[in-house]
Amino acid sequence: KVSVSEFCQLFEVAKSTFYRWKKQDHHHSEQHGLIKLISTLCKLHKYTYGYRKITALLRKEMKINHKRVQRMMQTYGLQCRVKVKKR
């Protein structure tokens, strides 16, 4: 086993760079799981729920910000389908 400082000296990287890389890797795996959960909820409700309702459903299980849910839904094309009103 090698300590963090020895590892950083060996590869000539700063400690802050190592910790930033470690945090970023964890963030991507967490985000991937969240996308799967949001996608499942959208499919379950046949894309009739928007980001507010999806956020409300997610808040029953975890603490999450509505802006993050909205950004992820927009990025992956999971927006609700709006019916056109006819006159």
PDB file of N, CA and C in Angstrom:
ATOM      1  N   LYS A   1       0.843  -1.186   0.000  1.00  0.00           N
ATOM      2  CA  LYS A   1       0.000   0.000   0.000  1.00  0.00           C
ATOM      3  C   LYS A   1       0.885   1.245   0.000  1.00  0.00           C
ATOM      4  N   VAL A   2       0.392   2.263  -0.712  1.00  0.00           N
ATOM      5  CA  VAL A   2       1.149   3.505  -0.861  1.00  0.00           C
ATOM      6  C   VAL A   2       0.289   4.646  -0.340  1.00  0.00           C
ATOM      7  N   SER A   3       0.915   5.561   0.373  1.00  0.00           N
ATOM      8  CA  SER A   3       0.164   6.709   0.874  1.00  0.00           C
ATOM      9  C   SER A   3      -0.107   7.693  -0.264  1.00  0.00           C
ATOM     10  N   VAL A   4      -1.008   8.618  -0.020  1.00  0.00           N
ATOM     11  CA  VAL A   4      -1.390   9.599  -1.034  1.00  0.00           C
ATOM     12  C   VAL A   4      -0.210  10.487  -1.399  1.00  0.00           C
ATOM     13  N   SER A   5       0.534  10.934  -0.402  1.00  0.00           N
ATOM     14  CA  SER A   5       1.672  11.816  -0.682  1.00  0.00           C
ATOM     15  C   SER A   5       2.750  11.089  -1.489  1.00  0.00           C
ATOM     16  N   GLU A   6       3.012   9.817  -1.182  1.00  0.00           N
ATOM     17  CA  GLU A   6       3.987   9.040  -1.954  1.00  0.00           C
ATOM     18  C   GLU A   6       3.505   8.826  -3.379  1.00  0.00           C
ATOM     19  N   PHE A   7       2.213   8.556  -3.524  1.00  0.00           N
ATOM     20  CA  PHE A   7       1.615   8.370  -4.844  1.00  0.00           C
ATOM     21  C   PHE A   7       1.764   9.639  -5.684  1.00  0.00           C
ATOM     22  N   CYS A   8       1.480  10.773  -5.077  1.00  0.00           N
ATOM     23  CA  CYS A   8       1.563  12.055  -5.797  1.00  0.00           C
ATOM     24  C   CYS A   8       3.005  12.379  -6.183  1.00  0.00           C
ATOM     25  N   GLN A   9       3.945  12.067  -5.306  1.00  0.00           N
ATOM     26  CA  GLN A   9       5.357  12.296  -5.635  1.00  0.00           C
ATOM     27  C   GLN A   9       5.808  11.375  -6.761  1.00  0.00           C
ATOM     28  N   LEU A  10       5.345  10.154  -6.745  1.00  0.00           N
ATOM     29  CA  LEU A  10       5.717   9.178  -7.758  1.00  0.00           C
ATOM     30  C   LEU A  10       5.252   9.606  -9.147  1.00  0.00           C
ATOM     31  N   PHE A  11       4.031  10.102  -9.243  1.00  0.00           N
ATOM     32  CA  PHE A  11       3.474  10.518 -10.529  1.00  0.00           C
ATOM     33  C   PHE A  11       3.590  12.020 -10.788  1.00  0.00           C
ATOM     34  N   GLU A  12       4.250  12.714  -9.872  1.00  0.00           N
ATOM     35  CA  GLU A  12       4.500  14.166 -10.007  1.00  0.00           C
ATOM     36  C   GLU A  12       3.208  14.955 -10.215  1.00  0.00           C
ATOM     37  N   VAL A  13       2.261  14.733  -9.317  1.00  0.00           N
ATOM     38  CA  VAL A  13       0.993  15.460  -9.325  1.00  0.00           C
ATOM     39  C   VAL A  13       0.776  16.063  -7.948  1.00  0.00           C
ATOM     40  N   ALA A  14       0.052  17.157  -7.923  1.00  0.00           N
ATOM     41  CA  ALA A  14      -0.267  17.797  -6.649  1.00  0.00           C
ATOM     42  C   ALA A  14      -1.353  16.998  -5.930  1.00  0.00           C
ATOM     43  N   LYS A  15      -1.374  17.094  -4.612  1.00  0.00           N
ATOM     44  CA  LYS A  15      -2.394  16.383  -3.823  1.00  0.00           C
ATOM     45  C   LYS A  15      -3.796  16.856  -4.193  1.00  0.00           C
ATOM     46  N   SER A  16      -3.908  18.173  -4.407  1.00  0.00           N
ATOM     47  CA  SER A  16      -5.232  18.718  -4.748  1.00  0.00           C
ATOM     48  C   SER A  16      -5.753  18.135  -6.059  1.00  0.00           C
ATOM     49  N   THR A  17      -4.845  17.905  -7.019  1.00  0.00           N
ATOM     50  CA  THR A  17      -5.238  17.296  -8.285  1.00  0.00           C
ATOM     51  C   THR A  17      -5.748  15.883  -8.072  1.00  0.00           C
ATOM     52  N   PHE A  18      -5.067  15.122  -7.213  1.00  0.00           N
ATOM     53  CA  PHE A  18      -5.487  13.754  -6.907  1.00  0.00           C
ATOM     54  C   PHE A  18      -6.880  13.734  -6.290  1.00  0.00           C
ATOM     55  N   TYR A  19      -7.103  14.604  -5.297  1.00  0.00           N
ATOM     56  CA  TYR A  19      -8.400  14.610  -4.619  1.00  0.00           C
ATOM     57  C   TYR A  19      -9.516  15.108  -5.534  1.00  0.00           C
ATOM     58  N   ARG A  20      -9.199  16.056  -6.424  1.00  0.00           N
ATOM     59  CA  ARG A  20     -10.195  16.531  -7.385  1.00  0.00           C
ATOM     60  C   ARG A  20     -10.577  15.400  -8.333  1.00  0.00           C
ATOM     61  N   TRP A  21      -9.592  14.627  -8.792  1.00  0.00           N
ATOM     62  CA  TRP A  21      -9.845  13.484  -9.668  1.00  0.00           C
ATOM     63  C   TRP A  21     -10.683  12.416  -8.952  1.00  0.00           C
ATOM     64  N   LYS A  22     -10.365  12.174  -7.701  1.00  0.00           N
ATOM     65  CA  LYS A  22     -11.096  11.174  -6.928  1.00  0.00           C
ATOM     66  C   LYS A  22     -12.551  11.581  -6.726  1.00  0.00           C
ATOM     67  N   LYS A  23     -12.776  12.856  -6.421  1.00  0.00           N
ATOM     68  CA  LYS A  23     -14.130  13.358  -6.213  1.00  0.00           C
ATOM     69  C   LYS A  23     -14.930  13.331  -7.517  1.00  0.00           C
ATOM     70  N   GLN A  24     -14.299  13.684  -8.617  1.00  0.00           N
ATOM     71  CA  GLN A  24     -14.973  13.720  -9.908  1.00  0.00           C
ATOM     72  C   GLN A  24     -15.412  12.315 -10.319  1.00  0.00           C
ATOM     73  N   ASP A  25     -14.584  11.325 -10.093  1.00  0.00           N
ATOM     74  CA  ASP A  25     -14.921   9.948 -10.443  1.00  0.00           C
ATOM     75  C   ASP A  25     -16.143   9.483  -9.656  1.00  0.00           C
ATOM     76  N   HIS A  26     -16.203   9.822  -8.373  1.00  0.00           N
ATOM     77  CA  HIS A  26     -17.351   9.456  -7.537  1.00  0.00           C
ATOM     78  C   HIS A  26     -18.611  10.171  -8.012  1.00  0.00           C
ATOM     79  N   HIS A  27     -18.456  11.426  -8.419  1.00  0.00           N
ATOM     80  CA  HIS A  27     -19.597  12.223  -8.877  1.00  0.00           C
ATOM     81  C   HIS A  27     -20.225  11.606 -10.128  1.00  0.00           C
ATOM     82  N   HIS A  28     -19.402  11.122 -11.061  1.00  0.00           N
ATOM     83  CA  HIS A  28     -19.925  10.538 -12.296  1.00  0.00           C
ATOM     84  C   HIS A  28     -20.707   9.254 -12.034  1.00  0.00           C
ATOM     85  N   SER A  29     -20.223   8.434 -11.122  1.00  0.00           N
ATOM     86  CA  SER A  29     -20.942   7.196 -10.830  1.00  0.00           C
ATOM     87  C   SER A  29     -22.267   7.497 -10.127  1.00  0.00           C
ATOM     88  N   GLU A  30     -22.268   8.520  -9.251  1.00  0.00           N
ATOM     89  CA  GLU A  30     -23.497   8.929  -8.570  1.00  0.00           C
ATOM     90  C   GLU A  30     -24.497   9.500  -9.566  1.00  0.00           C
ATOM     91  N   GLN A  31     -23.996  10.305 -10.504  1.00  0.00           N
ATOM     92  CA  GLN A  31     -24.859  10.930 -11.502  1.00  0.00           C
ATOM     93  C   GLN A  31     -25.471   9.871 -12.420  1.00  0.00           C
ATOM     94  N   HIS A  32     -24.714   8.849 -12.762  1.00  0.00           N
ATOM     95  CA  HIS A  32     -25.221   7.791 -13.637  1.00  0.00           C
ATOM     96  C   HIS A  32     -26.395   7.054 -12.977  1.00  0.00           C
ATOM     97  N   GLY A  33     -26.279   6.787 -11.688  1.00  0.00           N
ATOM     98  CA  GLY A  33     -27.364   6.131 -10.967  1.00  0.00           C
ATOM     99  C   GLY A  33     -28.604   6.998 -10.890  1.00  0.00           C
ATOM    100  N   LEU A  34     -28.394   8.306 -10.726  1.00  0.00           N
ATOM    101  CA  LEU A  34     -29.505   9.245 -10.657  1.00  0.00           C
ATOM    102  C   LEU A  34     -30.227   9.345 -11.997  1.00  0.00           C
ATOM    103  N   ILE A  35     -29.471   9.334 -13.086  1.00  0.00           N
ATOM    104  CA  ILE A  35     -30.072   9.377 -14.419  1.00  0.00           C
ATOM    105  C   ILE A  35     -30.940   8.138 -14.644  1.00  0.00           C
ATOM    106  N   LYS A  36     -30.454   6.983 -14.214  1.00  0.00           N
ATOM    107  CA  LYS A  36     -31.248   5.754 -14.358  1.00  0.00           C
ATOM    108  C   LYS A  36     -32.554   5.863 -13.588  1.00  0.00           C
ATOM    109  N   LEU A  37     -32.488   6.423 -12.375  1.00  0.00           N
ATOM    110  CA  LEU A  37     -33.674   6.567 -11.541  1.00  0.00           C
ATOM    111  C   LEU A  37     -34.670   7.542 -12.166  1.00  0.00           C
ATOM    112  N   ILE A  38     -34.181   8.672 -12.660  1.00  0.00           N
ATOM    113  CA  ILE A  38     -35.053   9.663 -13.305  1.00  0.00           C
ATOM    114  C   ILE A  38     -35.684   9.067 -14.560  1.00  0.00           C
ATOM    115  N   SER A  39     -34.889   8.363 -15.347  1.00  0.00           N
ATOM    116  CA  SER A  39     -35.396   7.736 -16.569  1.00  0.00           C
ATOM    117  C   SER A  39     -36.485   6.702 -16.260  1.00  0.00           C
ATOM    118  N   THR A  40     -36.277   5.934 -15.207  1.00  0.00           N
ATOM    119  CA  THR A  40     -37.268   4.934 -14.797  1.00  0.00           C
ATOM    120  C   THR A  40     -38.577   5.596 -14.384  1.00  0.00           C
ATOM    121  N   LEU A  41     -38.480   6.689 -13.611  1.00  0.00           N
ATOM    122  CA  LEU A  41     -39.686   7.403 -13.185  1.00  0.00           C
ATOM    123  C   LEU A  41     -40.431   7.993 -14.378  1.00  0.00           C
ATOM    124  N   CYS A  42     -39.674   8.545 -15.344  1.00  0.00           N
ATOM    125  CA  CYS A  42     -40.318   9.121 -16.528  1.00  0.00           C
ATOM    126  C   CYS A  42     -41.047   8.052 -17.336  1.00  0.00           C
ATOM    127  N   LYS A  43     -40.398   6.905 -17.514  1.00  0.00           N
ATOM    128  CA  LYS A  43     -41.031   5.823 -18.270  1.00  0.00           C
ATOM    129  C   LYS A  43     -42.246   5.276 -17.529  1.00  0.00           C
ATOM    130  N   LEU A  44     -42.137   5.167 -16.214  1.00  0.00           N
ATOM    131  CA  LEU A  44     -43.234   4.639 -15.405  1.00  0.00           C
ATOM    132  C   LEU A  44     -44.487   5.502 -15.518  1.00  0.00           C
ATOM    133  N   HIS A  45     -44.298   6.824 -15.576  1.00  0.00           N
ATOM    134  CA  HIS A  45     -45.433   7.750 -15.648  1.00  0.00           C
ATOM    135  C   HIS A  45     -45.689   8.245 -17.073  1.00  0.00           C
ATOM    136  N   LYS A  46     -45.121   7.531 -18.056  1.00  0.00           N
ATOM    137  CA  LYS A  46     -45.369   7.776 -19.483  1.00  0.00           C
ATOM    138  C   LYS A  46     -45.062   9.207 -19.911  1.00  0.00           C
ATOM    139  N   TYR A  47     -44.003   9.761 -19.355  1.00  0.00           N
ATOM    140  CA  TYR A  47     -43.501  11.096 -19.705  1.00  0.00           C
ATOM    141  C   TYR A  47     -44.546  12.196 -19.521  1.00  0.00           C
ATOM    142  N   THR A  48     -45.442  12.027 -18.565  1.00  0.00           N
ATOM    143  CA  THR A  48     -46.436  13.067 -18.306  1.00  0.00           C
ATOM    144  C   THR A  48     -45.996  13.981 -17.168  1.00  0.00           C
ATOM    145  N   TYR A  49     -44.991  13.567 -16.388  1.00  0.00           N
ATOM    146  CA  TYR A  49     -44.517  14.384 -15.268  1.00  0.00           C
ATOM    147  C   TYR A  49     -43.334  15.236 -15.701  1.00  0.00           C
ATOM    148  N   GLY A  50     -43.343  16.481 -15.271  1.00  0.00           N
ATOM    149  CA  GLY A  50     -42.233  17.379 -15.526  1.00  0.00           C
ATOM    150  C   GLY A  50     -41.195  17.276 -14.415  1.00  0.00           C
ATOM    151  N   TYR A  51     -40.217  18.193 -14.459  1.00  0.00           N
ATOM    152  CA  TYR A  51     -39.130  18.117 -13.496  1.00  0.00           C
ATOM    153  C   TYR A  51     -39.600  18.376 -12.071  1.00  0.00           C
ATOM    154  N   ARG A  52     -40.647  19.185 -11.889  1.00  0.00           N
ATOM    155  CA  ARG A  52     -41.130  19.480 -10.534  1.00  0.00           C
ATOM    156  C   ARG A  52     -41.713  18.231  -9.867  1.00  0.00           C
ATOM    157  N   LYS A  53     -42.524  17.509 -10.603  1.00  0.00           N
ATOM    158  CA  LYS A  53     -43.158  16.303 -10.063  1.00  0.00           C
ATOM    159  C   LYS A  53     -42.123  15.188  -9.859  1.00  0.00           C
ATOM    160  N   ILE A  54     -41.184  15.057 -10.786  1.00  0.00           N
ATOM    161  CA  ILE A  54     -40.118  14.070 -10.646  1.00  0.00           C
ATOM    162  C   ILE A  54     -39.263  14.392  -9.423  1.00  0.00           C
ATOM    163  N   THR A  55     -38.981  15.678  -9.209  1.00  0.00           N
ATOM    164  CA  THR A  55     -38.218  16.103  -8.037  1.00  0.00           C
ATOM    165  C   THR A  55     -38.970  15.750  -6.761  1.00  0.00           C
ATOM    166  N   ALA A  56     -40.275  15.963  -6.763  1.00  0.00           N
ATOM    167  CA  ALA A  56     -41.082  15.639  -5.584  1.00  0.00           C
ATOM    168  C   ALA A  56     -41.029  14.146  -5.278  1.00  0.00           C
ATOM    169  N   LEU A  57     -41.067  13.317  -6.316  1.00  0.00           N
ATOM    170  CA  LEU A  57     -40.976  11.871  -6.121  1.00  0.00           C
ATOM    171  C   LEU A  57     -39.592  11.467  -5.601  1.00  0.00           C
ATOM    172  N   LEU A  58     -38.548  12.108  -6.128  1.00  0.00           N
ATOM    173  CA  LEU A  58     -37.184  11.790  -5.693  1.00  0.00           C
ATOM    174  C   LEU A  58     -36.915  12.245  -4.263  1.00  0.00           C
ATOM    175  N   ARG A  59     -37.550  13.343  -3.857  1.00  0.00           N
ATOM    176  CA  ARG A  59     -37.326  13.865  -2.505  1.00  0.00           C
ATOM    177  C   ARG A  59     -37.887  12.956  -1.424  1.00  0.00           C
ATOM    178  N   LYS A  60     -38.769  12.032  -1.801  1.00  0.00           N
ATOM    179  CA  LYS A  60     -39.254  11.055  -0.829  1.00  0.00           C
ATOM    180  C   LYS A  60     -38.143  10.087  -0.446  1.00  0.00           C
ATOM    181  N   GLU A  61     -37.180   9.892  -1.363  1.00  0.00           N
ATOM    182  CA  GLU A  61     -36.092   8.947  -1.131  1.00  0.00           C
ATOM    183  C   GLU A  61     -34.771   9.615  -0.756  1.00  0.00           C
ATOM    184  N   MET A  62     -34.504  10.816  -1.302  1.00  0.00           N
ATOM    185  CA  MET A  62     -33.213  11.469  -1.085  1.00  0.00           C
ATOM    186  C   MET A  62     -33.351  12.981  -1.121  1.00  0.00           C
ATOM    187  N   LYS A  63     -32.298  13.649  -0.747  1.00  0.00           N
ATOM    188  CA  LYS A  63     -32.268  15.106  -0.793  1.00  0.00           C
ATOM    189  C   LYS A  63     -31.676  15.515  -2.142  1.00  0.00           C
ATOM    190  N   ILE A  64     -32.454  16.278  -2.936  1.00  0.00           N
ATOM    191  CA  ILE A  64     -32.003  16.664  -4.273  1.00  0.00           C
ATOM    192  C   ILE A  64     -32.608  18.005  -4.653  1.00  0.00           C
ATOM    193  N   ASN A  65     -31.873  18.771  -5.436  1.00  0.00           N
ATOM    194  CA  ASN A  65     -32.301  20.096  -5.868  1.00  0.00           C
ATOM    195  C   ASN A  65     -33.069  20.000  -7.185  1.00  0.00           C
ATOM    196  N   HIS A  66     -34.107  20.781  -7.323  1.00  0.00           N
ATOM    197  CA  HIS A  66     -34.927  20.755  -8.536  1.00  0.00           C
ATOM    198  C   HIS A  66     -34.155  21.205  -9.765  1.00  0.00           C
ATOM    199  N   LYS A  67     -33.176  22.094  -9.589  1.00  0.00           N
ATOM    200  CA  LYS A  67     -32.394  22.574 -10.729  1.00  0.00           C
ATOM    201  C   LYS A  67     -31.535  21.458 -11.313  1.00  0.00           C
ATOM    202  N   ARG A  68     -31.017  20.611 -10.450  1.00  0.00           N
ATOM    203  CA  ARG A  68     -30.210  19.480 -10.912  1.00  0.00           C
ATOM    204  C   ARG A  68     -31.067  18.494 -11.699  1.00  0.00           C
ATOM    205  N   VAL A  69     -32.267  18.219 -11.204  1.00  0.00           N
ATOM    206  CA  VAL A  69     -33.181  17.310 -11.900  1.00  0.00           C
ATOM    207  C   VAL A  69     -33.556  17.891 -13.256  1.00  0.00           C
ATOM    208  N   GLN A  70     -33.860  19.178 -13.294  1.00  0.00           N
ATOM    209  CA  GLN A  70     -34.244  19.823 -14.546  1.00  0.00           C
ATOM    210  C   GLN A  70     -33.100  19.768 -15.560  1.00  0.00           C
ATOM    211  N   ARG A  71     -31.889  20.052 -15.113  1.00  0.00           N
ATOM    212  CA  ARG A  71     -30.725  20.037 -15.999  1.00  0.00           C
ATOM    213  C   ARG A  71     -30.485  18.635 -16.567  1.00  0.00           C
ATOM    214  N   MET A  72     -30.619  17.616 -15.725  1.00  0.00           N
ATOM    215  CA  MET A  72     -30.402  16.246 -16.182  1.00  0.00           C
ATOM    216  C   MET A  72     -31.489  15.806 -17.157  1.00  0.00           C
ATOM    217  N   MET A  73     -32.727  16.179 -16.878  1.00  0.00           N
ATOM    218  CA  MET A  73     -33.823  15.815 -17.774  1.00  0.00           C
ATOM    219  C   MET A  73     -33.664  16.489 -19.135  1.00  0.00           C
ATOM    220  N   GLN A  74     -33.224  17.733 -19.152  1.00  0.00           N
ATOM    221  CA  GLN A  74     -33.015  18.439 -20.413  1.00  0.00           C
ATOM    222  C   GLN A  74     -31.859  17.826 -21.189  1.00  0.00           C
ATOM    223  N   THR A  75     -30.791  17.474 -20.495  1.00  0.00           N
ATOM    224  CA  THR A  75     -29.617  16.913 -21.157  1.00  0.00           C
ATOM    225  C   THR A  75     -29.924  15.585 -21.828  1.00  0.00           C
ATOM    226  N   TYR A  76     -30.695  14.743 -21.169  1.00  0.00           N
ATOM    227  CA  TYR A  76     -30.968  13.409 -21.687  1.00  0.00           C
ATOM    228  C   TYR A  76     -32.328  13.293 -22.389  1.00  0.00           C
ATOM    229  N   GLY A  77     -33.002  14.409 -22.636  1.00  0.00           N
ATOM    230  CA  GLY A  77     -34.245  14.409 -23.401  1.00  0.00           C
ATOM    231  C   GLY A  77     -35.402  13.712 -22.710  1.00  0.00           C
ATOM    232  N   LEU A  78     -35.533  13.913 -21.410  1.00  0.00           N
ATOM    233  CA  LEU A  78     -36.591  13.261 -20.639  1.00  0.00           C
ATOM    234  C   LEU A  78     -37.705  14.242 -20.263  1.00  0.00           C
ATOM    235  N   GLN A  79     -37.922  15.248 -21.076  1.00  0.00           N
ATOM    236  CA  GLN A  79     -38.946  16.237 -20.768  1.00  0.00           C
ATOM    237  C   GLN A  79     -40.333  15.652 -20.986  1.00  0.00           C
ATOM    238  N   CYS A  80     -41.308  16.211 -20.267  1.00  0.00           N
ATOM    239  CA  CYS A  80     -42.677  15.709 -20.395  1.00  0.00           C
ATOM    240  C   CYS A  80     -43.246  16.096 -21.748  1.00  0.00           C
ATOM    241  N   ARG A  81     -44.149  15.297 -22.215  1.00  0.00           N
ATOM    242  CA  ARG A  81     -44.773  15.547 -23.515  1.00  0.00           C
ATOM    243  C   ARG A  81     -46.052  16.347 -23.284  1.00  0.00           C
ATOM    244  N   VAL A  82     -46.124  17.520 -23.887  1.00  0.00           N
ATOM    245  CA  VAL A  82     -47.252  18.404 -23.700  1.00  0.00           C
ATOM    246  C   VAL A  82     -48.282  18.158 -24.801  1.00  0.00           C
ATOM    247  N   LYS A  83     -49.535  18.014 -24.391  1.00  0.00           N
ATOM    248  CA  LYS A  83     -50.605  17.828 -25.373  1.00  0.00           C
ATOM    249  C   LYS A  83     -51.000  19.189 -25.931  1.00  0.00           C
ATOM    250  N   VAL A  84     -51.241  19.248 -27.223  1.00  0.00           N
ATOM    251  CA  VAL A  84     -51.663  20.481 -27.870  1.00  0.00           C
ATOM    252  C   VAL A  84     -53.148  20.655 -27.633  1.00  0.00           C
ATOM    253  N   LYS A  85     -53.533  21.811 -27.117  1.00  0.00           N
ATOM    254  CA  LYS A  85     -54.950  22.085 -26.864  1.00  0.00           C
ATOM    255  C   LYS A  85     -55.613  22.533 -28.150  1.00  0.00           C
ATOM    256  N   LYS A  86     -56.752  21.938 -28.456  1.00  0.00           N
ATOM    257  CA  LYS A  86     -57.480  22.279 -29.677  1.00  0.00           C
ATOM    258  C   LYS A  86     -58.684  23.131 -29.315  1.00  0.00           C
ATOM    259  N   ARG A  87     -59.001  24.039 -30.191  1.00  0.00           N
ATOM    260  CA  ARG A  87     -60.137  24.916 -29.961  1.00  0.00           C
ATOM    261  C   ARG A  87     -61.345  24.434 -30.715  1.00  0.00           C
TER     262      ARG A  87
END
